[in-house]
Protein backbone atom coordinates (compact mmCIF):
# COMPACT_ATOMS: atom_id res chain seq x y z
CA MET A 1 103.51 165.19 101.70
CA ILE A 2 101.59 163.17 104.49
CA MET A 3 99.19 165.93 104.32
CA LYS A 4 99.34 166.33 100.97
CA SER A 5 98.46 162.37 100.03
CA ILE A 6 95.23 163.21 103.13
CA SER A 7 93.28 165.23 101.06
CA ILE A 8 93.89 163.10 97.72
CA ILE A 9 92.72 160.02 99.06
CA LEU A 10 89.83 162.23 100.96
CA GLY A 11 88.97 164.21 97.90
CA SER A 12 89.15 160.78 95.90
CA ILE A 13 86.55 158.72 98.81
CA LEU A 14 84.49 162.11 98.23
CA LEU A 15 84.82 161.96 94.38
CA SER A 16 83.56 158.99 94.34
CA LEU A 17 80.44 159.24 96.84
CA GLY A 18 78.98 161.78 94.92
CA ILE A 19 79.38 159.71 91.57
CA ILE A 20 77.35 156.35 93.13
CA GLY A 21 74.75 159.13 94.71
CA GLY A 22 74.49 160.87 91.36
CA GLY A 23 74.17 157.05 89.88
CA TYR A 24 71.46 156.75 92.81
CA PHE A 25 69.21 159.69 91.48
CA VAL A 26 69.90 159.05 87.76
CA ALA A 27 68.83 155.45 88.07
CA LYS A 28 65.82 156.53 89.74
CA ALA A 29 64.57 158.67 87.48
CA LYS A 30 65.03 156.43 85.28
CA MET A 31 63.08 154.02 87.09
CA ALA A 32 60.13 156.77 87.57
CA ASP A 33 60.56 156.96 83.46
CA ARG A 34 59.91 152.71 83.42
CA TYR A 35 56.15 153.23 83.36
CA VAL A 36 53.46 150.97 81.16
CA THR A 37 49.99 152.42 79.48
CA VAL A 38 46.94 150.27 79.65
CA LYS A 39 43.13 151.25 79.28
CA GLY A 40 40.79 149.59 81.24
CA VAL A 41 36.85 149.06 80.01
CA ALA A 42 33.39 148.59 82.12
CA GLU A 43 30.01 148.64 79.98
CA GLN A 44 27.01 147.88 81.34
CA ASP A 45 23.53 147.34 79.91
CA VAL A 46 20.67 149.61 80.60
CA LYS A 47 17.46 151.31 80.03
CA ALA A 48 15.84 154.18 79.72
CA ASP A 49 13.48 155.68 82.35
CA LEU A 50 12.45 158.54 80.84
CA ALA A 51 10.41 159.11 77.65
CA VAL A 52 10.33 162.66 75.86
CA TRP A 53 7.88 162.90 73.43
CA PRO A 54 7.50 165.53 70.89
CA ILE A 55 4.57 165.79 68.83
CA LYS A 56 4.20 168.16 66.23
CA PHE A 57 0.67 169.01 64.23
CA SER A 58 -0.25 171.65 62.11
CA VAL A 59 -3.48 173.04 61.24
CA THR A 60 -4.27 175.97 58.80
CA GLY A 61 -6.88 178.63 57.59
CA ASN A 62 -7.46 182.25 57.23
CA ASP A 63 -9.73 182.68 60.63
CA LEU A 64 -7.02 182.50 63.85
CA ALA A 65 -9.50 182.17 66.33
CA LYS A 66 -10.87 179.37 64.15
CA MET A 67 -7.42 177.49 64.41
CA GLN A 68 -7.37 178.41 67.94
CA ALA A 69 -10.22 176.03 68.43
CA GLU A 70 -8.74 173.39 66.14
CA ILE A 71 -5.46 173.26 68.23
CA GLU A 72 -7.38 172.58 71.17
CA ARG A 73 -9.70 170.02 69.18
CA ASN A 74 -6.40 168.26 68.45
CA PHE A 75 -4.95 168.95 71.70
CA ALA A 76 -8.03 166.90 73.61
CA ILE A 77 -7.47 164.05 70.77
CA ILE A 78 -3.73 163.11 71.64
CA SER A 79 -4.35 163.45 75.39
CA ALA A 80 -7.63 160.83 74.79
CA PHE A 81 -4.96 159.10 72.75
CA ILE A 82 -2.07 159.62 75.60
CA LYS A 83 -4.15 158.30 78.45
CA GLU A 84 -6.26 155.68 76.76
CA ASN A 85 -2.37 153.62 76.43
CA GLY A 86 -2.44 153.33 80.24
CA ILE A 87 0.35 157.08 80.43
CA GLU A 88 -0.63 159.02 83.78
CA GLU A 89 1.48 162.01 82.47
CA VAL A 90 -0.82 164.72 81.29
CA PRO A 91 0.91 166.25 77.95
CA PHE A 92 1.42 170.18 77.56
CA LEU A 93 1.23 172.51 74.90
CA THR A 94 4.40 174.06 73.77
CA LYS A 95 5.16 177.14 72.18
CA PRO A 96 3.73 177.64 68.27
CA GLU A 97 5.16 178.14 65.48
CA ILE A 98 3.19 180.95 63.29
CA THR A 99 3.90 181.43 59.63
CA ASP A 100 1.74 184.34 57.81
CA LEU A 101 2.35 183.45 54.12
CA MET A 102 1.23 187.01 52.97
CA ALA A 103 3.72 188.33 55.06
CA GLN A 104 6.62 186.66 52.65
CA SER A 105 7.77 188.69 49.60
CA TYR A 106 6.94 186.38 46.88
CA ASN A 107 3.27 185.99 48.04
CA GLN A 108 2.16 189.05 48.45
CA GLN A 109 0.71 189.54 45.14
CA GLU A 110 -0.81 186.28 45.34
CA LYS A 111 -3.88 184.96 46.53
CA VAL A 112 -3.44 182.14 48.76
CA LYS A 113 -6.32 179.44 50.29
CA ASN A 114 -4.80 179.34 53.42
CA ARG A 115 -2.93 182.60 54.78
CA PHE A 116 -1.82 180.71 58.26
CA ILE A 117 0.25 178.32 59.40
CA ILE A 118 0.28 176.81 62.32
CA THR A 119 2.44 174.37 63.96
CA GLN A 120 1.89 173.36 67.30
CA PRO A 121 3.83 171.16 69.72
CA VAL A 122 3.05 168.30 72.42
CA MET A 123 5.05 167.67 74.55
CA LEU A 124 4.65 165.14 76.93
CA ARG A 125 7.55 163.30 79.66
CA THR A 126 6.62 160.49 81.08
CA THR A 127 8.42 157.27 83.26
CA ASN A 128 6.23 154.88 81.83
CA VAL A 129 8.96 154.08 78.75
CA ASP A 130 7.26 151.02 78.09
CA ALA A 131 4.33 152.49 76.47
CA VAL A 132 6.10 154.92 74.81
CA THR A 133 7.69 152.77 72.82
CA LYS A 134 4.46 150.38 72.19
CA ILE A 135 2.31 153.51 71.11
CA ALA A 136 4.76 155.34 69.09
CA GLY A 137 4.19 153.07 66.47
CA SER A 138 0.52 153.63 66.07
CA ILE A 139 1.01 157.52 65.70
CA GLY A 140 -1.39 157.10 62.54
CA GLU A 141 -4.49 156.62 64.43
CA LEU A 142 -4.31 160.34 65.07
CA THR A 143 -3.67 161.21 61.42
CA LYS A 144 -7.14 158.47 61.17
CA GLN A 145 -8.88 161.81 63.68
CA GLY A 146 -7.92 164.31 60.66
CA ILE A 147 -4.85 165.32 62.89
CA VAL A 148 -2.06 166.29 60.39
CA MET A 149 1.04 165.55 61.59
CA ASN A 150 4.30 167.96 61.23
CA ASP A 151 7.54 166.95 61.62
CA TYR A 152 7.59 163.88 63.49
CA SER A 153 10.59 162.40 64.98
CA GLY A 154 9.78 159.77 67.82
CA PRO A 155 10.15 160.03 71.05
CA ARG A 156 13.39 160.69 72.98
CA TYR A 157 14.47 158.16 75.54
CA ILE A 158 16.48 159.09 78.41
CA TYR A 159 19.13 157.00 81.05
CA THR A 160 19.08 159.98 84.35
CA LYS A 161 20.40 156.76 86.64
CA LEU A 162 24.66 157.19 85.51
CA ASN A 163 25.45 158.62 88.60
CA ASP A 164 23.98 155.53 90.71
CA ILE A 165 26.47 153.33 88.45
CA LYS A 166 29.07 155.00 87.78
CA PRO A 167 31.61 153.93 91.08
CA ALA A 168 31.07 150.11 90.51
CA MET A 169 31.55 150.76 86.27
CA ILE A 170 34.87 153.20 87.69
CA ALA A 171 35.94 149.81 89.97
CA GLU A 172 35.55 147.82 87.22
CA ALA A 173 37.23 149.46 84.98
CA THR A 174 40.30 150.26 86.75
CA LYS A 175 40.21 146.24 87.61
CA ASN A 176 40.65 145.26 84.23
CA ALA A 177 43.47 148.26 83.99
CA ARG A 178 45.49 146.25 86.08
CA LYS A 179 44.92 143.02 84.87
CA GLY A 180 46.77 144.48 81.73
CA ALA A 181 49.27 145.93 83.42
CA GLU A 182 49.94 142.84 85.47
CA GLN A 183 50.40 140.90 82.79
CA PHE A 184 52.73 143.20 80.73
CA ALA A 185 54.88 143.39 84.26
CA ALA A 186 54.64 139.32 84.21
CA ASP A 187 55.70 139.29 80.35
CA SER A 188 58.18 142.69 80.96
CA GLN A 189 59.41 140.70 84.54
CA SER A 190 59.46 143.89 85.81
CA PRO A 191 56.61 143.71 89.13
CA ILE A 192 54.35 146.85 89.15
CA ALA A 193 55.64 149.84 91.64
CA GLY A 194 52.46 152.25 91.99
CA ILE A 195 49.83 154.54 89.80
CA ARG A 196 52.22 156.97 87.89
CA ARG A 197 48.68 159.19 86.54
CA ALA A 198 45.31 158.02 86.19
CA ASN A 199 42.42 159.40 83.93
CA GLN A 200 38.76 157.48 84.62
CA GLY A 201 37.92 158.92 81.00
CA VAL A 202 34.34 160.24 79.85
CA PHE A 203 30.96 157.77 79.90
CA THR A 204 29.21 157.12 76.71
CA ILE A 205 25.66 156.11 76.28
CA LEU A 206 25.37 153.99 72.95
CA PRO A 207 22.47 151.82 71.40
CA ARG A 208 22.44 148.28 72.58
CA ASP A 209 22.23 146.75 69.44
CA GLY A 210 25.08 148.92 67.49
CA GLY A 211 24.84 151.87 65.66
CA GLU A 212 26.17 155.33 65.70
CA ALA A 213 25.88 157.18 69.17
CA TYR A 214 23.02 160.01 67.56
CA GLU A 215 20.31 156.60 67.68
CA GLU A 216 20.70 156.23 71.21
CA ALA A 217 18.16 158.71 71.97
CA SER A 218 15.91 156.73 70.00
CA ASN A 219 16.66 153.08 71.23
CA PRO A 220 15.45 152.77 74.84
CA GLU A 221 17.94 149.72 75.70
CA LYS A 222 21.28 151.63 75.87
CA THR A 223 24.95 149.97 76.05
CA VAL A 224 27.03 152.70 79.21
CA ARG A 225 30.66 152.75 78.49
CA VAL A 226 33.95 153.82 80.41
CA VAL A 227 37.48 153.84 78.91
CA SER A 228 40.31 154.50 81.97
CA THR A 229 43.54 155.24 81.32
CA ILE A 230 46.09 154.57 83.60
CA GLU A 231 49.67 154.45 83.71
CA TYR A 232 51.16 152.11 86.00
CA ILE A 233 55.17 152.41 87.21
CA LEU A 234 57.35 149.48 86.86
CA GLY A 235 60.11 148.11 88.76
CA SER A 236 63.10 146.96 88.66
CA GLU A 237 63.51 143.00 88.06
CA GLN A 238 63.71 141.36 91.29
């Protein structure tokens, strides 16, 4: 009888310990689920350090040899225009687009004045962004010299040093996220116990003066932005 009582008592003790132990782990799991998600934003104004300037012109005619000579003349005028405005880099010709009007079905029965149309792109890559910005609006000077401009969309401005500023911007975004988490923790009287998950976010480059993202390439003044998303674990109230 005495042994039976002892067994019952021991069983009760072990059961109690099991409940206590189970309760501890449940509490631990719930604590791990107590977290706050915050976003930290960092922005930095930058200026493009590379300009890519496609300049397209067209020539028309029936004699391809004469048209090629016209292309060379136009290219020389464009090259001189670029050099005269303080840009040292030399432009280069890229693949032309040749249209044969007589090869098109709707023109085969008709006589056309000029059979061929050649659209010739001239490409300039330069780090002299200021000079390109200054003369981009003066492209009409080329028209005055007999060059027929085609599909002129202006220069594209590129910022190539994003990797140089990434670490500092990520640090700033993380710092701002931490401030938000600390404010939430203070309001809820729950201390921060650590980071549950972190996502540094995607860097985006926008035009500095607002506008849509697609306008960014046409604007030398830009704003780099990153949004970091961090989940902070909240501890129990002390």
